Amino acid sequence: MKARDVMTTYPSVVLPDETTVEAARIMRDRNVNVLPVVGDLRNRALVGILTDRDLVVRCVAVGHDGTCLVREHMTTAPLVWVGPDADVREVAAKMAGHTFRRIPVLEHGRRLVGVVALADLDVKARAT
C-alpha cells in the first residue's frame, strides 16, 4: 500500500502572510491541528508547517497577538515529507523517527498533494 492510498487529499492549507488568528480559525473550523504552509494556492509548494502547538508555544505563550503572521511562527526546516508512491511502512517509519503524527505528501518533492496522519495508517492497517 502506498501513501496515496491512505492520504487525505487537498488538505486545508494556510499562506505565510496570513495572520495566526486566521490560521487558528481554519484549524478550529476544519477540526485539524496542523496546517501545511504553501507559497501560493495555485502551485501549492510547501514552504512550512504550522501546528496548534506552534501557535501556543511560539505565539501566545510569548505574548504575541493574533496579528502575527504565520511565517513568524511556522516550522520551515528541515521539512520532512514523503512522496505519493512511498510505501506505508516507509511513511510509518519516517513518522516514528521524527515523532510526527502527520506528514505531508509532496509530488515531485515540491507540490503538496496530501497529508498522511497516524490515524490514517491505523485505520488502513485494521482494514487489511
Protein backbone atom coordinates (compact mmCIF):
# COMPACT_ATOMS: atom_id res chain seq x y z
CA MET A 1 0.00 0.00 0.00
CA LYS A 2 1.23 3.49 -0.88
CA ALA A 3 0.94 6.92 0.73
CA ARG A 4 -1.53 7.92 -1.99
CA ASP A 5 -3.85 5.12 -0.82
CA VAL A 6 -4.14 6.44 2.74
CA MET A 7 -3.53 10.19 2.50
CA THR A 8 -6.07 12.95 2.84
CA THR A 9 -6.10 14.75 -0.49
CA TYR A 10 -6.45 18.52 -0.80
CA PRO A 11 -5.70 19.21 2.87
CA SER A 12 -6.50 22.58 4.38
CA VAL A 13 -3.56 24.94 3.97
CA VAL A 14 -2.50 28.42 5.01
CA LEU A 15 -0.32 31.06 3.35
CA PRO A 16 2.76 32.54 5.07
CA ASP A 17 1.32 36.07 5.04
CA GLU A 18 -1.96 35.13 6.73
CA THR A 19 -2.38 36.01 10.38
CA THR A 20 -2.05 33.46 13.13
CA VAL A 21 -5.62 34.18 14.19
CA GLU A 22 -6.79 33.25 10.69
CA ALA A 23 -4.74 30.04 10.85
CA ALA A 24 -6.27 29.25 14.25
CA ARG A 25 -9.75 29.78 12.84
CA ILE A 26 -9.01 27.42 9.94
CA MET A 27 -7.79 24.81 12.43
CA ARG A 28 -10.91 25.26 14.56
CA ASP A 29 -13.38 25.28 11.65
CA ARG A 30 -11.83 22.26 9.91
CA ASN A 31 -11.02 20.37 13.10
CA VAL A 32 -7.31 19.99 12.30
CA ASN A 33 -4.26 20.69 14.40
CA VAL A 34 -1.71 21.07 11.64
CA LEU A 35 -1.70 23.23 8.53
CA PRO A 36 0.76 22.89 5.70
CA VAL A 37 2.00 26.34 4.71
CA VAL A 38 2.17 26.83 0.94
CA GLY A 39 3.73 29.65 -1.03
CA ASP A 40 0.58 30.13 -3.10
CA LEU A 41 -2.68 28.33 -3.67
CA ARG A 42 -2.07 27.59 -7.32
CA ASN A 43 1.29 25.80 -7.12
CA ARG A 44 0.87 24.58 -3.53
CA ALA A 45 4.63 24.44 -2.98
CA LEU A 46 5.24 23.52 0.65
CA VAL A 47 7.22 26.21 2.49
CA GLY A 48 6.45 25.27 6.10
CA ILE A 49 4.22 23.61 8.65
CA LEU A 50 2.15 25.29 11.34
CA THR A 51 0.79 23.30 14.27
CA ASP A 52 -1.55 24.24 17.07
CA ARG A 53 1.44 23.78 19.37
CA ASP A 54 3.41 26.33 17.32
CA LEU A 55 0.60 28.81 17.87
CA VAL A 56 0.56 28.21 21.61
CA VAL A 57 4.30 27.97 22.30
CA ARG A 58 5.77 30.35 19.72
CA CYS A 59 2.98 32.93 19.62
CA VAL A 60 0.57 33.07 22.54
CA ALA A 61 2.96 31.96 25.32
CA VAL A 62 5.45 34.70 24.45
CA GLY A 63 2.79 37.39 24.47
CA HIS A 64 2.18 37.87 20.76
CA ASP A 65 -1.28 38.62 19.48
CA GLY A 66 -3.28 37.26 16.55
CA THR A 67 -1.90 39.85 14.15
CA CYS A 68 1.39 37.94 13.86
CA LEU A 69 1.97 36.35 10.50
CA VAL A 70 2.11 32.60 10.00
CA ARG A 71 5.66 32.96 8.61
CA GLU A 72 6.84 34.19 12.02
CA HIS A 73 5.79 31.02 13.83
CA MET A 74 5.83 28.16 11.29
CA THR A 75 8.45 25.44 11.10
CA THR A 76 10.48 25.84 7.93
CA ALA A 77 13.44 23.49 8.04
CA PRO A 78 14.08 20.75 7.86
CA LEU A 79 10.71 19.82 6.40
CA VAL A 80 10.08 16.10 6.42
CA TRP A 81 7.79 14.67 3.77
CA VAL A 82 7.06 11.60 1.67
CA GLY A 83 6.14 11.09 -1.95
CA PRO A 84 2.77 9.69 -3.04
CA ASP A 85 4.36 6.37 -4.05
CA ALA A 86 6.14 5.84 -0.72
CA ASP A 87 5.24 2.52 0.87
CA VAL A 88 3.18 2.94 4.03
CA ARG A 89 5.89 1.15 6.01
CA GLU A 90 8.33 3.88 4.92
CA VAL A 91 5.76 6.53 5.83
CA ALA A 92 5.24 4.99 9.27
CA ALA A 93 8.99 4.68 9.86
CA LYS A 94 9.60 8.30 8.90
CA MET A 95 6.78 9.48 11.14
CA ALA A 96 8.05 7.37 14.05
CA GLY A 97 11.63 8.52 13.53
CA HIS A 98 10.58 12.14 13.87
CA THR A 99 7.72 11.52 16.36
CA PHE A 100 5.22 13.07 13.94
CA ARG A 101 1.52 12.34 13.93
CA ARG A 102 1.14 13.81 10.44
CA ILE A 103 3.39 14.07 7.41
CA PRO A 104 2.91 15.99 4.16
CA VAL A 105 2.85 14.17 0.83
CA LEU A 106 4.66 16.03 -1.95
CA GLU A 107 4.55 15.35 -5.65
CA HIS A 108 7.99 15.76 -7.29
CA GLY A 109 9.35 16.86 -3.91
CA ARG A 110 7.55 20.18 -4.07
CA ARG A 111 3.79 20.28 -4.66
CA LEU A 112 1.57 19.39 -1.70
CA VAL A 113 -0.92 16.73 -2.73
CA GLY A 114 -1.91 15.29 0.63
CA VAL A 115 -1.24 14.60 4.27
CA VAL A 116 -0.94 11.23 5.98
CA ALA A 117 -2.00 11.09 9.62
CA LEU A 118 -1.07 8.37 12.04
CA ALA A 119 -4.78 7.59 12.29
CA ASP A 120 -4.89 7.00 8.51
CA LEU A 121 -2.22 4.33 8.85
CA ASP A 122 -4.04 2.72 11.78
CA VAL A 123 -7.41 2.64 10.00
CA LYS A 124 -5.94 1.13 6.84
CA ALA A 125 -3.91 -1.41 8.80
CA ARG A 126 -7.05 -2.60 10.59
CA ALA A 127 -8.94 -2.88 7.30
CA THR A 128 -6.36 -5.22 5.76
